[in-house]
C-alpha cells in the first residue's frame, strides 16, 4: 500500500494507534496511514489521553464517563424491518 501511495506522489507514514489514547472509551488498536499530496512525510499523531495520566494528559475515558450525561428517560428508536433482522441475529 505504501509503495503505491509513494509512486503516486504521496508522502505517507503509518503507525499502530490505540483509540483510547485519543479520547474514545475503548481500548482498540488500529493501523492508521496518513498521507500528503505534496510528498512530504506526515508527522505521527500526538496522543490526547494516557492510561494513567502520564505527561499531564487526561486519563483514558471509560464507557461510564461517556454515557453518564445521557438522559435516563426512554429513548426513541427505529425498528429494523423484519426481513433484515435475520442478518443481525445470531
C-alpha atoms as a PDB file:
ATOM      1  CA  UNK A   1       0.000   0.000   0.000  1.00  0.00           C
ATOM      2  CA  UNK A   2       2.753   2.436   0.925  1.00  0.00           C
ATOM      3  CA  UNK A   3       4.658   1.814  -2.300  1.00  0.00           C
ATOM      4  CA  UNK A   4       1.531   2.543  -4.368  1.00  0.00           C
ATOM      5  CA  UNK A   5       0.954   5.772  -2.468  1.00  0.00           C
ATOM      6  CA  UNK A   6       4.560   6.863  -2.849  1.00  0.00           C
ATOM      7  CA  UNK A   7       4.596   6.018  -6.578  1.00  0.00           C
ATOM      8  CA  UNK A   8       1.523   8.242  -6.918  1.00  0.00           C
ATOM      9  CA  UNK A   9       3.482  11.109  -5.363  1.00  0.00           C
ATOM     10  CA  UNK A  10       2.074  10.976  -1.857  1.00  0.00           C
ATOM     11  CA  UNK A  11       4.111  11.216   1.297  1.00  0.00           C
ATOM     12  CA  UNK A  12       2.944   8.541   3.702  1.00  0.00           C
ATOM     13  CA  UNK A  13       3.552   7.435   7.233  1.00  0.00           C
ATOM     14  CA  UNK A  14       1.838   4.778   9.300  1.00  0.00           C
ATOM     15  CA  UNK A  15       1.708   3.684  12.894  1.00  0.00           C
ATOM     16  CA  UNK A  16      -0.263   1.484  15.266  1.00  0.00           C
ATOM     17  CA  UNK A  17      -2.504   3.695  17.398  1.00  0.00           C
ATOM     18  CA  UNK A  18      -4.667   2.850  20.411  1.00  0.00           C
ATOM     19  CA  UNK A  19      -8.010   4.648  20.190  1.00  0.00           C
ATOM     20  CA  UNK A  20      -8.060   5.070  23.984  1.00  0.00           C
ATOM     21  CA  UNK A  21      -5.087   7.442  23.656  1.00  0.00           C
ATOM     22  CA  UNK A  22      -7.316   9.795  21.642  1.00  0.00           C
ATOM     23  CA  UNK A  23     -10.316  10.016  23.962  1.00  0.00           C
ATOM     24  CA  UNK A  24     -12.522   7.138  22.852  1.00  0.00           C
ATOM     25  CA  UNK A  25     -13.957   4.969  25.633  1.00  0.00           C
ATOM     26  CA  UNK A  26     -12.490   1.749  24.256  1.00  0.00           C
ATOM     27  CA  UNK A  27      -9.125   0.054  24.007  1.00  0.00           C
ATOM     28  CA  UNK A  28      -8.799  -0.653  20.316  1.00  0.00           C
ATOM     29  CA  UNK A  29      -5.631  -0.677  18.238  1.00  0.00           C
ATOM     30  CA  UNK A  30      -5.670   0.287  14.582  1.00  0.00           C
ATOM     31  CA  UNK A  31      -3.055   0.890  11.924  1.00  0.00           C
ATOM     32  CA  UNK A  32      -3.510   4.419  10.620  1.00  0.00           C
ATOM     33  CA  UNK A  33      -1.959   5.635   7.365  1.00  0.00           C
ATOM     34  CA  UNK A  34      -1.506   9.394   6.951  1.00  0.00           C
ATOM     35  CA  UNK A  35      -0.778  10.839   3.503  1.00  0.00           C
ATOM     36  CA  UNK A  36       0.068  14.188   1.996  1.00  0.00           C
ATOM     37  CA  UNK A  37      -0.306  15.182  -1.626  1.00  0.00           C
ATOM     38  CA  UNK A  38       2.879  17.233  -1.697  1.00  0.00           C
ATOM     39  CA  UNK A  39       5.026  14.173  -0.978  1.00  0.00           C
ATOM     40  CA  UNK A  40       6.175  15.294   2.474  1.00  0.00           C
ATOM     41  CA  UNK A  41       6.230  12.831   5.348  1.00  0.00           C
ATOM     42  CA  UNK A  42       3.350  13.235   7.759  1.00  0.00           C
ATOM     43  CA  UNK A  43       4.107  13.591  11.467  1.00  0.00           C
ATOM     44  CA  UNK A  44       2.893  10.953  13.890  1.00  0.00           C
ATOM     45  CA  UNK A  45      -0.286  11.738  15.798  1.00  0.00           C
ATOM     46  CA  UNK A  46       0.139  13.079  19.328  1.00  0.00           C
ATOM     47  CA  UNK A  47      -1.974  11.330  21.979  1.00  0.00           C
ATOM     48  CA  UNK A  48      -4.521  13.408  23.872  1.00  0.00           C
ATOM     49  CA  UNK A  49      -5.055  10.905  26.716  1.00  0.00           C
ATOM     50  CA  UNK A  50      -2.996   8.316  28.616  1.00  0.00           C
ATOM     51  CA  UNK A  51      -3.837   5.203  30.618  1.00  0.00           C
ATOM     52  CA  UNK A  52      -2.748   6.545  33.987  1.00  0.00           C
ATOM     53  CA  UNK A  53      -2.434  10.292  33.324  1.00  0.00           C
ATOM     54  CA  UNK A  54       1.253  10.393  32.366  1.00  0.00           C
ATOM     55  CA  UNK A  55       2.713  13.546  30.826  1.00  0.00           C
ATOM     56  CA  UNK A  56      -0.117  15.668  32.244  1.00  0.00           C
ATOM     57  CA  UNK A  57      -2.663  14.150  29.861  1.00  0.00           C
ATOM     58  CA  UNK A  58      -6.179  13.220  30.981  1.00  0.00           C
ATOM     59  CA  UNK A  59      -6.725   9.568  31.853  1.00  0.00           C
ATOM     60  CA  UNK A  60      -8.414   7.241  29.371  1.00  0.00           C
ATOM     61  CA  UNK A  61     -12.167   7.666  29.094  1.00  0.00           C
ATOM     62  CA  UNK A  62     -14.434   4.866  30.250  1.00  0.00           C
ATOM     63  CA  UNK A  63     -17.806   3.806  28.951  1.00  0.00           C
ATOM     64  CA  UNK A  64     -19.341   5.009  32.216  1.00  0.00           C
ATOM     65  CA  UNK A  65     -17.893   8.504  31.720  1.00  0.00           C
ATOM     66  CA  UNK A  66     -19.024   8.565  28.092  1.00  0.00           C
ATOM     67  CA  UNK A  67     -22.673   7.798  28.910  1.00  0.00           C
ATOM     68  CA  UNK A  68     -23.087   9.427  32.316  1.00  0.00           C
ATOM     69  CA  UNK A  69     -24.767  12.555  30.921  1.00  0.00           C
ATOM     70  CA  UNK A  70     -27.232  10.729  28.687  1.00  0.00           C
ATOM     71  CA  UNK A  71     -30.868  11.116  29.735  1.00  0.00           C
ATOM     72  CA  UNK A  72     -32.301   8.150  31.604  1.00  0.00           C
ATOM     73  CA  UNK A  73     -35.792   8.615  30.176  1.00  0.00           C
ATOM     74  CA  UNK A  74     -36.992   6.222  27.454  1.00  0.00           C
ATOM     75  CA  UNK A  75     -35.364   6.931  24.114  1.00  0.00           C
ATOM     76  CA  UNK A  76     -36.859   6.956  20.640  1.00  0.00           C
ATOM     77  CA  UNK A  77     -35.652   4.277  18.261  1.00  0.00           C
ATOM     78  CA  UNK A  78     -36.375   2.878  14.852  1.00  0.00           C
ATOM     79  CA  UNK A  79     -37.164  -0.811  14.482  1.00  0.00           C
ATOM     80  CA  UNK A  80     -35.334  -2.748  11.802  1.00  0.00           C
ATOM     81  CA  UNK A  81     -37.588  -4.223   9.120  1.00  0.00           C
ATOM     82  CA  UNK A  82     -38.392  -7.861   9.908  1.00  0.00           C
ATOM     83  CA  UNK A  83     -36.769  -9.106   6.696  1.00  0.00           C
ATOM     84  CA  UNK A  84     -33.418  -7.551   7.756  1.00  0.00           C
ATOM     85  CA  UNK A  85     -33.429  -8.870  11.337  1.00  0.00           C
ATOM     86  CA  UNK A  86     -32.341 -12.327  10.199  1.00  0.00           C
ATOM     87  CA  UNK A  87     -28.956 -10.800   9.249  1.00  0.00           C
ATOM     88  CA  UNK A  88     -28.423  -9.200  12.670  1.00  0.00           C
ATOM     89  CA  UNK A  89     -29.441 -12.073  14.960  1.00  0.00           C
ATOM     90  CA  UNK A  90     -27.001 -14.899  15.587  1.00  0.00           C
END
